[in-house]
Every structure is written in C-alpha cells, then in structure tokens.
C-alpha cells in the first residue's frame, strides 16, 4: 500500500481542454507511472458540491512510497523527452503538486465494493483555528475519521498531513487534508454536508472541500506497459 500521495490540481489552457485531456490521460499518465517511485495514477474531474471548492477543475492522484525519492526522480525527467509538459496545461493556474502522508480509516460497515480504483472522492483542505493544529489532528485520529467513514455512502476517510518534501513552499496554505471516497455520491454528499463544514477545531473561514469524479481507472506501471505494447 502506498504511504503517501501527490495531489495535483490543474486547469487546461483556455480553448485546449481536448488536448489537455488527451495528454494528461495518455502520455503524461504513462510517463508518470513509469517513473521510479510512482506506484499509480488516477485522474478526476470536479463535480458540483455543497462546499467552497476553489478554482481547479481537474485533479491527479499519484500514489507513492517515498516522497523524497519520487521528487528526486521526477526532477530528473520533468520537461525532458521522458516527461514533456504540454502547452495544454495552464501553468499560470496550476496548484503546486502537494505531497501528503496518509492515515486511512475504512468504513466500519465493511462496504463490499472494489475500491482498487477510487470512485467519487471529496478532497478537503483545512486550516485549524489559531493554535489548534494538534487538537484538529487528534480529533480526527481519535474518532473523527471513523465517524466520517461510517456515514451513509462513504467507503473510507483519510487524514493527510503535508510531507516535509514539497516542490514549492506555497503549497502549505492548507496544512491539513482529508480524502474521502464515496460509493454512493448522493447519499455521501448529503450525509457529510454539515459535518465537513463543522469539523472540530477547524478555522471556519479557511477551508474547502472539492468533489471529484473519476476520469478512468487507476493506472499502474503494469497497466501502462499493456497500453503501450504494439498491437
């Protein structure tokens, strides 16, 4: 199981959304999972949700074991022939990719579903109230995550903490993350609407929760090798 995630929020260059999706869901996804240290990648597109949700329409979730190793490997190839960057991605608005450590809680209901590829997810970004970072984390890790994971329509809830290794320092605008996977989108959003807006010790003015639907299955290096095999 991956110990860490890299989450990338992005938008296409205006007028180039088709090219953006072709590149990001094709060559870039394959180049990513072929990079040492990257275990898998899966793309998502934003859907309407009941919470403040920022300005990014797309999210990529990369799974990895060691953020430092993965960043070093990516730095070797980014922008080269091994990982060219398409002009179809709007680099003026892209959120710096953020590395997160994870603590996961699955639903106590033991939902019988295949979550090898993630279904609809909610990506929450939070600040704690002043001086309450430890209390915010402890509230999640001592029952808060389980309470979220046990809501109707929910498969799992993960508390994400920023890794020390980051591409840019401004990713630390939101130091706490929550990633929730749903098996029933409507039921999950209804059950979580008030709860995500009122997490204990959160700053009520500095948070958002973005709903993303998958744009395909999770891809691994083995999947990529099959995709690139000659017909």
Protein backbone atom coordinates (compact mmCIF):
# COMPACT_ATOMS: atom_id res chain seq x y z
CA UNK A 1 0.00 0.00 0.00
CA UNK A 2 1.25 3.49 -0.85
CA UNK A 3 2.40 5.50 2.15
CA UNK A 4 1.97 8.88 0.50
CA UNK A 5 0.04 10.70 -2.19
CA UNK A 6 0.90 13.52 -4.54
CA UNK A 7 -2.21 15.51 -5.43
CA UNK A 8 -2.14 17.88 -8.41
CA UNK A 9 -4.94 20.39 -9.06
CA UNK A 10 -4.96 21.89 -12.55
CA UNK A 11 -6.90 23.50 -15.38
CA UNK A 12 -6.50 23.34 -19.16
CA UNK A 13 -5.22 26.27 -21.16
CA UNK A 14 -8.32 28.11 -22.46
CA UNK A 15 -9.51 26.54 -25.70
CA UNK A 16 -7.31 23.45 -25.26
CA UNK A 17 -9.36 21.20 -22.98
CA UNK A 18 -9.49 18.35 -25.52
CA UNK A 19 -5.71 18.43 -25.96
CA UNK A 20 -5.26 18.70 -22.19
CA UNK A 21 -7.30 15.56 -21.51
CA UNK A 22 -5.62 13.62 -24.31
CA UNK A 23 -2.17 14.46 -22.96
CA UNK A 24 -2.89 14.15 -19.24
CA UNK A 25 -4.85 10.92 -19.56
CA UNK A 26 -2.41 9.44 -22.08
CA UNK A 27 1.28 10.28 -22.38
CA UNK A 28 1.62 12.12 -19.07
CA UNK A 29 -0.14 9.39 -17.10
CA UNK A 30 2.08 6.75 -18.69
CA UNK A 31 5.26 8.78 -18.15
CA UNK A 32 4.26 9.31 -14.53
CA UNK A 33 3.72 5.67 -13.60
CA UNK A 34 6.90 4.66 -15.43
CA UNK A 35 8.88 6.97 -13.12
CA UNK A 36 10.68 5.10 -10.31
CA UNK A 37 8.84 5.62 -7.04
CA UNK A 38 5.43 6.35 -8.58
CA UNK A 39 3.10 3.41 -7.94
CA UNK A 40 -0.06 4.57 -9.71
CA UNK A 41 -2.02 7.49 -11.06
CA UNK A 42 -5.72 8.26 -11.43
CA UNK A 43 -7.43 11.36 -12.85
CA UNK A 44 -10.58 13.12 -11.66
CA UNK A 45 -12.84 15.99 -12.78
CA UNK A 46 -14.59 18.37 -10.43
CA UNK A 47 -18.32 17.98 -9.81
CA UNK A 48 -20.74 20.29 -8.07
CA UNK A 49 -20.66 20.01 -4.31
CA UNK A 50 -22.21 21.82 -1.34
CA UNK A 51 -18.97 23.42 -0.08
CA UNK A 52 -16.45 26.09 -1.12
CA UNK A 53 -14.33 24.36 -3.78
CA UNK A 54 -11.66 26.63 -5.22
CA UNK A 55 -10.98 27.15 -8.91
CA UNK A 56 -9.48 23.90 -10.25
CA UNK A 57 -11.47 21.55 -12.45
CA UNK A 58 -9.09 18.57 -12.55
CA UNK A 59 -7.15 16.52 -10.02
CA UNK A 60 -4.49 13.83 -10.44
CA UNK A 61 -3.78 11.43 -7.57
CA UNK A 62 -0.32 9.84 -7.73
CA UNK A 63 0.44 7.11 -5.19
CA UNK A 64 4.00 6.69 -3.91
CA UNK A 65 6.01 5.26 -1.04
CA UNK A 66 8.80 7.78 -0.52
CA UNK A 67 8.15 11.48 -1.33
CA UNK A 68 11.84 12.44 -1.30
CA UNK A 69 12.82 9.66 -3.72
CA UNK A 70 9.86 10.33 -6.02
CA UNK A 71 10.54 14.07 -6.17
CA UNK A 72 14.19 13.46 -7.00
CA UNK A 73 13.25 11.08 -9.82
CA UNK A 74 10.64 13.46 -11.20
CA UNK A 75 13.10 16.34 -11.14
CA UNK A 76 15.43 14.36 -13.43
CA UNK A 77 12.86 13.99 -16.19
CA UNK A 78 10.26 16.75 -15.94
CA UNK A 79 10.32 18.80 -19.13
CA UNK A 80 12.61 16.33 -20.93
CA UNK A 81 11.71 13.84 -23.65
CA UNK A 82 10.96 11.36 -20.87
CA UNK A 83 8.21 13.66 -19.49
CA UNK A 84 7.39 16.57 -21.81
CA UNK A 85 4.92 19.13 -20.47
CA UNK A 86 2.10 20.02 -22.83
CA UNK A 87 1.14 23.66 -23.50
CA UNK A 88 -2.44 22.47 -22.96
CA UNK A 89 -1.97 22.63 -19.18
CA UNK A 90 -2.46 26.14 -17.80
CA UNK A 91 0.72 26.63 -15.78
CA UNK A 92 -0.49 30.06 -14.61
CA UNK A 93 -3.25 28.46 -12.53
CA UNK A 94 -1.89 25.02 -11.65
CA UNK A 95 -1.70 24.31 -7.92
CA UNK A 96 1.81 23.21 -6.94
CA UNK A 97 1.71 19.41 -6.55
CA UNK A 98 1.50 18.59 -2.87
CA UNK A 99 2.96 15.56 -1.13
CA UNK A 100 0.83 14.09 1.65
CA UNK A 101 1.37 11.36 4.24
CA UNK A 102 -1.77 9.33 4.91
CA UNK A 103 -3.73 7.78 7.79
CA UNK A 104 -6.69 5.78 6.49
CA UNK A 105 -9.89 4.55 8.11
CA UNK A 106 -12.29 2.32 6.19
CA UNK A 107 -15.98 2.24 6.89
CA UNK A 108 -16.86 0.00 9.84
CA UNK A 109 -19.72 -1.24 7.66
CA UNK A 110 -17.09 -3.05 5.52
CA UNK A 111 -18.66 -1.92 2.25
CA UNK A 112 -18.42 -4.76 -0.28
CA UNK A 113 -17.06 -2.81 -3.22
CA UNK A 114 -13.94 -2.76 -5.36
CA UNK A 115 -12.04 0.39 -4.45
CA UNK A 116 -8.84 -0.56 -6.24
CA UNK A 117 -9.70 2.38 -8.47
CA UNK A 118 -11.18 5.23 -6.48
CA UNK A 119 -14.77 6.22 -7.07
CA UNK A 120 -16.06 9.76 -6.40
CA UNK A 121 -13.84 11.47 -3.83
CA UNK A 122 -14.02 14.58 -1.69
CA UNK A 123 -10.71 16.38 -1.21
CA UNK A 124 -10.90 18.62 1.84
CA UNK A 125 -8.26 21.28 2.54
CA UNK A 126 -8.25 22.77 6.01
CA UNK A 127 -6.60 25.18 8.38
CA UNK A 128 -7.02 24.69 12.08
CA UNK A 129 -8.15 27.54 14.30
CA UNK A 130 -5.25 29.55 15.69
CA UNK A 131 -3.13 27.37 17.96
CA UNK A 132 -5.34 24.31 17.40
CA UNK A 133 -3.37 22.25 14.86
CA UNK A 134 -2.67 19.43 17.31
CA UNK A 135 -6.25 19.41 18.56
CA UNK A 136 -7.59 19.31 14.97
CA UNK A 137 -5.42 16.32 14.10
CA UNK A 138 -6.16 14.48 17.33
CA UNK A 139 -9.90 14.93 16.89
CA UNK A 140 -9.69 13.22 13.50
CA UNK A 141 -7.37 10.43 14.62
CA UNK A 142 -9.29 9.58 17.79
CA UNK A 143 -12.72 9.01 16.30
CA UNK A 144 -13.33 11.81 13.82
CA UNK A 145 -12.19 9.84 10.78
CA UNK A 146 -14.23 6.83 11.82
CA UNK A 147 -17.30 9.00 12.20
CA UNK A 148 -16.83 10.28 8.64
CA UNK A 149 -16.08 6.82 7.24
CA UNK A 150 -19.26 5.41 8.78
CA UNK A 151 -21.60 7.91 7.13
CA UNK A 152 -24.06 6.58 4.52
CA UNK A 153 -22.49 6.34 1.08
CA UNK A 154 -18.88 6.52 2.36
CA UNK A 155 -16.17 3.88 1.82
CA UNK A 156 -13.20 5.46 3.58
CA UNK A 157 -11.76 8.64 5.06
CA UNK A 158 -8.07 9.54 5.11
CA UNK A 159 -6.35 12.26 7.10
CA UNK A 160 -3.48 13.71 5.08
CA UNK A 161 -0.53 15.59 6.55
CA UNK A 162 1.89 17.55 4.41
CA UNK A 163 5.18 15.78 3.85
CA UNK A 164 8.40 17.70 4.51
CA UNK A 165 9.30 17.23 0.84
CA UNK A 166 7.45 19.71 -1.36
CA UNK A 167 8.02 21.31 -4.76
CA UNK A 168 7.07 24.78 -3.56
CA UNK A 169 6.54 26.30 -0.15
CA UNK A 170 3.21 27.95 -1.02
CA UNK A 171 1.55 24.53 -1.02
CA UNK A 172 1.43 24.96 2.77
CA UNK A 173 -1.51 27.36 2.55
CA UNK A 174 -3.64 24.41 3.72
CA UNK A 175 -1.65 22.19 6.10
CA UNK A 176 -4.39 19.61 6.73
CA UNK A 177 -6.07 17.39 4.14
CA UNK A 178 -8.92 14.88 4.16
CA UNK A 179 -9.63 12.48 1.30
CA UNK A 180 -12.99 10.72 1.46
CA UNK A 181 -14.11 8.06 -1.02
CA UNK A 182 -17.81 7.50 -1.76
CA UNK A 183 -19.67 4.51 -3.12
CA UNK A 184 -22.97 6.41 -3.31
CA UNK A 185 -22.31 10.02 -4.27
CA UNK A 186 -25.73 11.48 -3.47
CA UNK A 187 -26.02 9.75 -0.09
CA UNK A 188 -22.43 10.60 0.85
CA UNK A 189 -22.70 14.29 -0.01
CA UNK A 190 -25.96 14.61 1.87
CA UNK A 191 -24.56 12.87 4.95
CA UNK A 192 -21.33 14.88 5.00
CA UNK A 193 -22.60 18.35 4.06
CA UNK A 194 -22.91 19.72 7.59
CA UNK A 195 -20.14 17.58 9.08
CA UNK A 196 -17.32 18.78 6.82
CA UNK A 197 -18.36 22.37 7.41
CA UNK A 198 -18.07 21.98 11.17
CA UNK A 199 -15.04 19.80 11.93
CA UNK A 200 -13.81 20.32 15.49
CA UNK A 201 -11.01 22.90 15.82
CA UNK A 202 -11.14 23.91 12.12
CA UNK A 203 -10.92 27.55 11.05
CA UNK A 204 -14.42 28.27 9.66
CA UNK A 205 -13.09 30.80 7.14
CA UNK A 206 -10.09 28.89 5.71
CA UNK A 207 -11.16 25.57 4.25
CA UNK A 208 -12.66 24.00 1.16
CA UNK A 209 -13.96 20.57 0.12
CA UNK A 210 -13.90 19.67 -3.57
CA UNK A 211 -15.93 16.85 -5.11
CA UNK A 212 -14.16 14.96 -7.91
CA UNK A 213 -15.46 12.15 -10.14
CA UNK A 214 -13.02 9.67 -11.71
CA UNK A 215 -11.98 10.07 -15.35
CA UNK A 216 -10.86 6.46 -15.69
CA UNK A 217 -9.37 3.67 -13.65
CA UNK A 218 -6.24 3.76 -11.54
CA UNK A 219 -3.21 3.13 -13.77
CA UNK A 220 -0.03 1.34 -12.67
CA UNK A 221 3.24 0.69 -14.50
CA UNK A 222 1.92 -2.75 -15.49
CA UNK A 223 -1.20 -1.15 -16.96
CA UNK A 224 0.93 1.37 -18.84
CA UNK A 225 3.10 -1.37 -20.31
CA UNK A 226 0.00 -3.10 -21.67
CA UNK A 227 -1.27 0.19 -23.14
CA UNK A 228 1.99 0.80 -24.96
CA UNK A 229 2.51 -2.75 -26.30
CA UNK A 230 2.42 -2.98 -30.12
CA UNK A 231 -0.89 -4.28 -31.45
